[in-house]
Amino acid sequence: MTKHDFSESGEARHNRRRNAFWRYLALTFSASILIGFLSGMASGMYASGDLPLWVPLLAGALAIAGITWFSFDYFKRIDELDLMDNLWAHLAGMYGGIITIGGWYLLAELALIRFPTAADTIIALLGFTFLFYGIRKLGLR
């Protein structure tokens, strides 16, 4: 027989799980800021000659490993509806970013504006993904 804990209401369990999820997001967001700061600091110190090459390489590898772990762990924690919202937003964000960068690149080839950089591409992709995720969560489909 399966054991059930009926000592707290469904609403209390929902609130506890939601609060745990927000704590998890705050902790991982804080950790990602710290990792980004440290890897950037290591790169800057390497550029000025204060650190050997292996230090920023290790910092970058640790940052990539942390981001990869968080991505897998995050998608294990969310429910099916939020997973579908994430998938939809990422696909729409990818399309928005590709169209924007493609148009930007065309205008740059015509010497009308500067060429997009890697940072421009990342900002476009993330910006559209967050925009479409917000649209999806607001129910504007």
N, C-alpha and C. Protein backbone atom coordinates (compact mmCIF):
# COMPACT_ATOMS: atom_id res chain seq x y z
N MET A 1 0.84 -1.18 0.00
CA MET A 1 0.00 0.00 0.00
C MET A 1 0.89 1.25 0.00
N THR A 2 0.49 2.24 -0.73
CA THR A 2 1.25 3.48 -0.81
C THR A 2 0.95 4.34 0.40
N LYS A 3 2.01 4.92 0.98
CA LYS A 3 1.84 5.78 2.14
C LYS A 3 1.56 7.21 1.67
N HIS A 4 0.60 7.84 2.28
CA HIS A 4 0.27 9.23 1.99
C HIS A 4 0.36 10.03 3.27
N ASP A 5 0.87 11.26 3.13
CA ASP A 5 0.92 12.16 4.27
C ASP A 5 -0.20 13.17 4.13
N PHE A 6 -1.25 12.98 4.92
CA PHE A 6 -2.40 13.87 4.87
C PHE A 6 -2.38 14.88 6.02
N SER A 7 -1.20 15.07 6.64
CA SER A 7 -1.12 15.97 7.79
C SER A 7 -1.22 17.43 7.38
N GLU A 8 -0.94 17.75 6.12
CA GLU A 8 -1.11 19.13 5.67
C GLU A 8 -2.02 19.16 4.45
N SER A 9 -2.68 20.28 4.27
CA SER A 9 -3.64 20.39 3.16
C SER A 9 -2.92 20.46 1.82
N GLY A 10 -3.67 20.27 0.76
CA GLY A 10 -3.11 20.38 -0.58
C GLY A 10 -2.57 21.77 -0.85
N GLU A 11 -3.27 22.78 -0.33
CA GLU A 11 -2.81 24.15 -0.52
C GLU A 11 -1.49 24.38 0.21
N ALA A 12 -1.36 23.83 1.41
CA ALA A 12 -0.11 23.97 2.17
C ALA A 12 1.04 23.27 1.45
N ARG A 13 0.78 22.07 0.92
CA ARG A 13 1.83 21.37 0.15
C ARG A 13 2.22 22.16 -1.09
N HIS A 14 1.22 22.72 -1.78
CA HIS A 14 1.49 23.53 -2.97
C HIS A 14 2.35 24.74 -2.61
N ASN A 15 1.99 25.44 -1.54
CA ASN A 15 2.75 26.61 -1.10
C ASN A 15 4.18 26.24 -0.71
N ARG A 16 4.34 25.11 -0.03
CA ARG A 16 5.67 24.65 0.38
C ARG A 16 6.52 24.34 -0.85
N ARG A 17 5.95 23.64 -1.84
CA ARG A 17 6.69 23.32 -3.06
C ARG A 17 7.03 24.57 -3.86
N ARG A 18 6.07 25.51 -3.94
CA ARG A 18 6.32 26.74 -4.68
C ARG A 18 7.43 27.56 -4.02
N ASN A 19 7.38 27.67 -2.69
CA ASN A 19 8.41 28.42 -1.98
C ASN A 19 9.78 27.75 -2.12
N ALA A 20 9.82 26.42 -2.08
CA ALA A 20 11.08 25.71 -2.28
C ALA A 20 11.62 25.96 -3.68
N PHE A 21 10.74 26.01 -4.68
CA PHE A 21 11.17 26.26 -6.04
C PHE A 21 11.75 27.67 -6.18
N TRP A 22 11.09 28.68 -5.57
CA TRP A 22 11.61 30.05 -5.64
C TRP A 22 12.94 30.18 -4.91
N ARG A 23 13.10 29.48 -3.79
CA ARG A 23 14.40 29.46 -3.09
C ARG A 23 15.47 28.86 -3.98
N TYR A 24 15.12 27.76 -4.66
CA TYR A 24 16.04 27.10 -5.58
C TYR A 24 16.46 28.07 -6.69
N LEU A 25 15.51 28.77 -7.28
CA LEU A 25 15.84 29.73 -8.34
C LEU A 25 16.72 30.86 -7.82
N ALA A 26 16.42 31.38 -6.64
CA ALA A 26 17.23 32.46 -6.07
C ALA A 26 18.66 31.99 -5.79
N LEU A 27 18.79 30.78 -5.26
CA LEU A 27 20.12 30.24 -4.97
C LEU A 27 20.92 30.03 -6.26
N THR A 28 20.31 29.43 -7.27
CA THR A 28 21.04 29.18 -8.51
C THR A 28 21.32 30.47 -9.27
N PHE A 29 20.42 31.44 -9.19
CA PHE A 29 20.66 32.73 -9.83
C PHE A 29 21.84 33.43 -9.16
N SER A 30 21.88 33.39 -7.83
CA SER A 30 23.00 34.00 -7.10
C SER A 30 24.31 33.30 -7.43
N ALA A 31 24.27 31.97 -7.50
CA ALA A 31 25.48 31.22 -7.84
C ALA A 31 25.94 31.55 -9.25
N SER A 32 25.01 31.72 -10.20
CA SER A 32 25.41 32.03 -11.57
C SER A 32 26.03 33.42 -11.66
N ILE A 33 25.53 34.36 -10.88
CA ILE A 33 26.13 35.70 -10.86
C ILE A 33 27.55 35.62 -10.31
N LEU A 34 27.74 34.87 -9.23
CA LEU A 34 29.07 34.71 -8.64
C LEU A 34 30.02 34.03 -9.62
N ILE A 35 29.57 32.97 -10.28
CA ILE A 35 30.41 32.26 -11.24
C ILE A 35 30.77 33.19 -12.40
N GLY A 36 29.81 33.94 -12.91
CA GLY A 36 30.08 34.88 -14.00
C GLY A 36 31.08 35.94 -13.58
N PHE A 37 30.93 36.47 -12.37
CA PHE A 37 31.86 37.46 -11.86
C PHE A 37 33.26 36.89 -11.75
N LEU A 38 33.38 35.71 -11.16
CA LEU A 38 34.69 35.10 -10.97
C LEU A 38 35.36 34.74 -12.30
N SER A 39 34.59 34.21 -13.25
CA SER A 39 35.19 33.86 -14.54
C SER A 39 35.61 35.12 -15.30
N GLY A 40 34.82 36.18 -15.21
CA GLY A 40 35.20 37.44 -15.83
C GLY A 40 36.42 38.05 -15.18
N MET A 41 36.50 37.98 -13.86
CA MET A 41 37.66 38.49 -13.13
C MET A 41 38.92 37.70 -13.52
N ALA A 42 38.78 36.37 -13.63
CA ALA A 42 39.92 35.54 -14.01
C ALA A 42 40.39 35.88 -15.42
N SER A 43 39.45 36.12 -16.33
CA SER A 43 39.82 36.50 -17.71
C SER A 43 40.55 37.84 -17.72
N GLY A 44 40.04 38.78 -16.95
CA GLY A 44 40.69 40.09 -16.87
C GLY A 44 42.08 40.02 -16.26
N MET A 45 42.22 39.21 -15.22
CA MET A 45 43.54 39.06 -14.59
C MET A 45 44.50 38.34 -15.52
N TYR A 46 43.98 37.42 -16.34
CA TYR A 46 44.84 36.75 -17.32
C TYR A 46 45.30 37.76 -18.38
N ALA A 47 44.38 38.62 -18.82
CA ALA A 47 44.73 39.61 -19.85
C ALA A 47 45.80 40.58 -19.36
N SER A 48 45.80 40.87 -18.06
CA SER A 48 46.82 41.78 -17.52
C SER A 48 48.10 41.04 -17.14
N GLY A 49 48.11 39.72 -17.30
CA GLY A 49 49.32 38.94 -17.02
C GLY A 49 49.46 38.45 -15.59
N ASP A 50 48.41 38.60 -14.78
CA ASP A 50 48.48 38.20 -13.37
C ASP A 50 48.19 36.72 -13.14
N LEU A 51 47.58 36.05 -14.10
CA LEU A 51 47.22 34.64 -13.94
C LEU A 51 47.70 33.82 -15.12
N PRO A 52 48.03 32.56 -14.89
CA PRO A 52 48.36 31.69 -16.02
C PRO A 52 47.10 31.33 -16.80
N LEU A 53 47.28 30.84 -18.01
CA LEU A 53 46.18 30.55 -18.91
C LEU A 53 45.20 29.52 -18.35
N TRP A 54 45.67 28.56 -17.58
CA TRP A 54 44.79 27.50 -17.12
C TRP A 54 43.71 28.00 -16.15
N VAL A 55 43.93 29.12 -15.48
CA VAL A 55 42.95 29.61 -14.51
C VAL A 55 41.66 30.09 -15.20
N PRO A 56 41.73 30.99 -16.20
CA PRO A 56 40.47 31.37 -16.86
C PRO A 56 39.85 30.20 -17.64
N LEU A 57 40.68 29.30 -18.16
CA LEU A 57 40.12 28.13 -18.84
C LEU A 57 39.35 27.25 -17.86
N LEU A 58 39.90 27.05 -16.68
CA LEU A 58 39.21 26.27 -15.65
C LEU A 58 37.94 26.98 -15.20
N ALA A 59 38.01 28.30 -15.02
CA ALA A 59 36.83 29.06 -14.61
C ALA A 59 35.73 28.94 -15.67
N GLY A 60 36.10 29.03 -16.94
CA GLY A 60 35.12 28.89 -18.01
C GLY A 60 34.52 27.50 -18.06
N ALA A 61 35.37 26.48 -17.86
CA ALA A 61 34.88 25.09 -17.87
C ALA A 61 33.92 24.86 -16.70
N LEU A 62 34.24 25.41 -15.53
CA LEU A 62 33.35 25.27 -14.37
C LEU A 62 32.03 26.00 -14.62
N ALA A 63 32.09 27.16 -15.27
CA ALA A 63 30.86 27.90 -15.57
C ALA A 63 29.99 27.09 -16.54
N ILE A 64 30.59 26.51 -17.56
CA ILE A 64 29.82 25.70 -18.51
C ILE A 64 29.22 24.48 -17.83
N ALA A 65 30.00 23.83 -16.96
CA ALA A 65 29.49 22.67 -16.23
C ALA A 65 28.33 23.07 -15.33
N GLY A 66 28.45 24.21 -14.65
CA GLY A 66 27.37 24.67 -13.78
C GLY A 66 26.10 25.00 -14.53
N ILE A 67 26.24 25.66 -15.66
CA ILE A 67 25.07 25.99 -16.48
C ILE A 67 24.40 24.73 -17.00
N THR A 68 25.21 23.77 -17.43
CA THR A 68 24.67 22.50 -17.94
C THR A 68 23.93 21.76 -16.83
N TRP A 69 24.53 21.68 -15.65
CA TRP A 69 23.88 20.99 -14.53
C TRP A 69 22.57 21.69 -14.17
N PHE A 70 22.59 23.03 -14.07
CA PHE A 70 21.39 23.75 -13.70
C PHE A 70 20.28 23.51 -14.71
N SER A 71 20.61 23.51 -15.99
CA SER A 71 19.58 23.31 -17.02
C SER A 71 18.89 21.97 -16.84
N PHE A 72 19.66 20.90 -16.67
CA PHE A 72 19.06 19.59 -16.48
C PHE A 72 18.27 19.53 -15.17
N ASP A 73 18.82 20.09 -14.11
CA ASP A 73 18.15 20.05 -12.81
C ASP A 73 16.86 20.87 -12.83
N TYR A 74 16.88 22.02 -13.50
CA TYR A 74 15.70 22.87 -13.58
C TYR A 74 14.56 22.14 -14.28
N PHE A 75 14.86 21.51 -15.42
CA PHE A 75 13.80 20.85 -16.18
C PHE A 75 13.29 19.59 -15.48
N LYS A 76 14.02 19.06 -14.53
CA LYS A 76 13.51 17.95 -13.72
C LYS A 76 12.53 18.44 -12.67
N ARG A 77 12.62 19.70 -12.29
CA ARG A 77 11.81 20.24 -11.20
C ARG A 77 10.49 20.85 -11.64
N ILE A 78 10.36 21.21 -12.90
CA ILE A 78 9.13 21.89 -13.34
C ILE A 78 8.10 20.88 -13.82
N ASP A 79 6.84 21.33 -13.86
CA ASP A 79 5.77 20.43 -14.30
C ASP A 79 5.63 20.48 -15.83
N GLU A 80 4.70 19.67 -16.34
CA GLU A 80 4.55 19.52 -17.79
C GLU A 80 4.11 20.82 -18.46
N LEU A 81 3.26 21.59 -17.80
CA LEU A 81 2.78 22.84 -18.41
C LEU A 81 3.90 23.86 -18.52
N ASP A 82 4.70 24.00 -17.47
CA ASP A 82 5.81 24.93 -17.53
C ASP A 82 6.87 24.46 -18.52
N LEU A 83 7.04 23.14 -18.63
CA LEU A 83 7.96 22.61 -19.63
C LEU A 83 7.50 22.98 -21.04
N MET A 84 6.22 22.84 -21.31
CA MET A 84 5.70 23.22 -22.63
C MET A 84 5.84 24.72 -22.87
N ASP A 85 5.61 25.55 -21.85
CA ASP A 85 5.80 26.99 -22.00
C ASP A 85 7.26 27.31 -22.31
N ASN A 86 8.19 26.63 -21.62
CA ASN A 86 9.61 26.83 -21.88
C ASN A 86 9.99 26.42 -23.29
N LEU A 87 9.51 25.25 -23.72
CA LEU A 87 9.84 24.78 -25.07
C LEU A 87 9.31 25.73 -26.13
N TRP A 88 8.07 26.18 -25.95
CA TRP A 88 7.47 27.11 -26.90
C TRP A 88 8.25 28.42 -26.94
N ALA A 89 8.58 28.96 -25.77
CA ALA A 89 9.29 30.23 -25.70
C ALA A 89 10.68 30.11 -26.31
N HIS A 90 11.36 29.00 -26.08
CA HIS A 90 12.69 28.84 -26.65
C HIS A 90 12.64 28.73 -28.17
N LEU A 91 11.67 28.03 -28.69
CA LEU A 91 11.54 27.92 -30.15
C LEU A 91 11.21 29.28 -30.76
N ALA A 92 10.23 29.97 -30.20
CA ALA A 92 9.86 31.29 -30.72
C ALA A 92 11.01 32.27 -30.53
N GLY A 93 11.72 32.20 -29.42
CA GLY A 93 12.87 33.07 -29.19
C GLY A 93 13.98 32.81 -30.18
N MET A 94 14.20 31.55 -30.53
CA MET A 94 15.20 31.21 -31.53
C MET A 94 14.82 31.81 -32.89
N TYR A 95 13.55 31.66 -33.27
CA TYR A 95 13.11 32.24 -34.54
C TYR A 95 13.28 33.76 -34.53
N GLY A 96 12.85 34.40 -33.45
CA GLY A 96 12.97 35.86 -33.36
C GLY A 96 14.41 36.31 -33.45
N GLY A 97 15.30 35.61 -32.74
CA GLY A 97 16.72 35.97 -32.77
C GLY A 97 17.34 35.75 -34.13
N ILE A 98 17.02 34.64 -34.78
CA ILE A 98 17.59 34.36 -36.10
C ILE A 98 17.11 35.38 -37.13
N ILE A 99 15.84 35.71 -37.09
CA ILE A 99 15.32 36.70 -38.04
C ILE A 99 15.97 38.06 -37.80
N THR A 100 16.10 38.45 -36.54
CA THR A 100 16.70 39.74 -36.21
C THR A 100 18.17 39.79 -36.62
N ILE A 101 18.94 38.79 -36.25
CA ILE A 101 20.37 38.80 -36.58
C ILE A 101 20.56 38.65 -38.08
N GLY A 102 19.72 37.85 -38.74
CA GLY A 102 19.81 37.73 -40.19
C GLY A 102 19.56 39.06 -40.89
N GLY A 103 18.52 39.77 -40.46
CA GLY A 103 18.24 41.10 -41.03
C GLY A 103 19.35 42.09 -40.73
N TRP A 104 19.86 42.03 -39.52
CA TRP A 104 20.96 42.92 -39.11
C TRP A 104 22.18 42.64 -39.97
N TYR A 105 22.49 41.36 -40.17
CA TYR A 105 23.65 40.99 -40.97
C TYR A 105 23.48 41.47 -42.42
N LEU A 106 22.27 41.35 -42.97
CA LEU A 106 22.01 41.84 -44.32
C LEU A 106 22.28 43.33 -44.42
N LEU A 107 21.77 44.10 -43.46
CA LEU A 107 22.01 45.55 -43.47
C LEU A 107 23.49 45.88 -43.31
N ALA A 108 24.22 45.05 -42.53
CA ALA A 108 25.65 45.27 -42.38
C ALA A 108 26.39 44.96 -43.67
N GLU A 109 25.97 43.91 -44.38
CA GLU A 109 26.58 43.57 -45.67
C GLU A 109 26.37 44.70 -46.68
N LEU A 110 25.27 45.43 -46.55
CA LEU A 110 25.00 46.57 -47.43
C LEU A 110 25.67 47.85 -46.94
N ALA A 111 26.50 47.73 -45.88
CA ALA A 111 27.26 48.84 -45.30
C ALA A 111 26.36 49.94 -44.73
N LEU A 112 25.18 49.55 -44.24
CA LEU A 112 24.28 50.54 -43.65
C LEU A 112 24.46 50.64 -42.14
N ILE A 113 24.84 49.54 -41.50
CA ILE A 113 25.08 49.51 -40.05
C ILE A 113 26.27 48.60 -39.78
N ARG A 114 26.70 48.54 -38.52
CA ARG A 114 27.82 47.67 -38.16
C ARG A 114 27.36 46.22 -38.11
N PHE A 115 28.31 45.30 -38.16
CA PHE A 115 28.00 43.88 -38.09
C PHE A 115 27.64 43.48 -36.66
N PRO A 116 26.72 42.54 -36.49
CA PRO A 116 26.39 42.07 -35.13
C PRO A 116 27.56 41.27 -34.55
N THR A 117 27.73 41.38 -33.25
CA THR A 117 28.77 40.63 -32.55
C THR A 117 28.13 39.39 -31.92
N ALA A 118 28.96 38.56 -31.33
CA ALA A 118 28.44 37.38 -30.61
C ALA A 118 27.54 37.83 -29.46
N ALA A 119 27.93 38.88 -28.76
CA ALA A 119 27.11 39.38 -27.65
C ALA A 119 25.75 39.87 -28.16
N ASP A 120 25.73 40.54 -29.31
CA ASP A 120 24.46 40.98 -29.90
C ASP A 120 23.55 39.79 -30.19
N THR A 121 24.14 38.72 -30.71
CA THR A 121 23.37 37.53 -31.04
C THR A 121 22.78 36.91 -29.78
N ILE A 122 23.59 36.79 -28.73
CA ILE A 122 23.11 36.20 -27.47
C ILE A 122 22.01 37.06 -26.87
N ILE A 123 22.21 38.37 -26.87
CA ILE A 123 21.20 39.28 -26.32
C ILE A 123 19.89 39.17 -27.09
N ALA A 124 19.97 39.08 -28.42
CA ALA A 124 18.76 38.94 -29.23
C ALA A 124 18.04 37.63 -28.91
N LEU A 125 18.79 36.54 -28.86
CA LEU A 125 18.17 35.25 -28.56
C LEU A 125 17.54 35.22 -27.17
N LEU A 126 18.27 35.69 -26.17
CA LEU A 126 17.72 35.72 -24.80
C LEU A 126 16.55 36.69 -24.68
N GLY A 127 16.68 37.85 -25.31
CA GLY A 127 15.62 38.85 -25.24
C GLY A 127 14.32 38.34 -25.82
N PHE A 128 14.39 37.73 -27.00
CA PHE A 128 13.18 37.19 -27.60
C PHE A 128 12.62 36.01 -26.80
N THR A 129 13.51 35.18 -26.26
CA THR A 129 13.04 34.05 -25.45
C THR A 129 12.29 34.54 -24.22
N PHE A 130 12.85 35.52 -23.50
CA PHE A 130 12.17 36.06 -22.32
C PHE A 130 10.87 36.76 -22.71
N LEU A 131 10.89 37.48 -23.82
CA LEU A 131 9.67 38.16 -24.29
C LEU A 131 8.57 37.14 -24.57
N PHE A 132 8.88 36.09 -25.32
CA PHE A 132 7.87 35.10 -25.67
C PHE A 132 7.44 34.26 -24.47
N TYR A 133 8.35 34.05 -23.52
CA TYR A 133 7.96 33.33 -22.30
C TYR A 133 6.96 34.17 -21.51
N GLY A 134 7.22 35.47 -21.42
CA GLY A 134 6.28 36.37 -20.74
C GLY A 134 4.93 36.41 -21.43
N ILE A 135 4.95 36.46 -22.76
CA ILE A 135 3.70 36.44 -23.52
C ILE A 135 2.94 35.15 -23.26
N ARG A 136 3.65 34.05 -23.25
CA ARG A 136 3.02 32.75 -23.00
C ARG A 136 2.42 32.69 -21.60
N LYS A 137 3.15 33.17 -20.60
CA LYS A 137 2.66 33.14 -19.22
C LYS A 137 1.47 34.08 -19.01
N LEU A 138 1.40 35.14 -19.78
CA LEU A 138 0.26 36.05 -19.68
C LEU A 138 -0.97 35.49 -20.40
N GLY A 139 -0.79 34.39 -21.13
CA GLY A 139 -1.91 33.77 -21.82
C GLY A 139 -2.22 34.40 -23.16
N LEU A 140 -1.32 35.23 -23.67
CA LEU A 140 -1.54 35.88 -24.96
C LEU A 140 -0.99 34.97 -26.06
N ARG A 141 -1.82 34.04 -26.51
CA ARG A 141 -1.34 33.03 -27.47
C ARG A 141 -1.83 33.32 -28.85
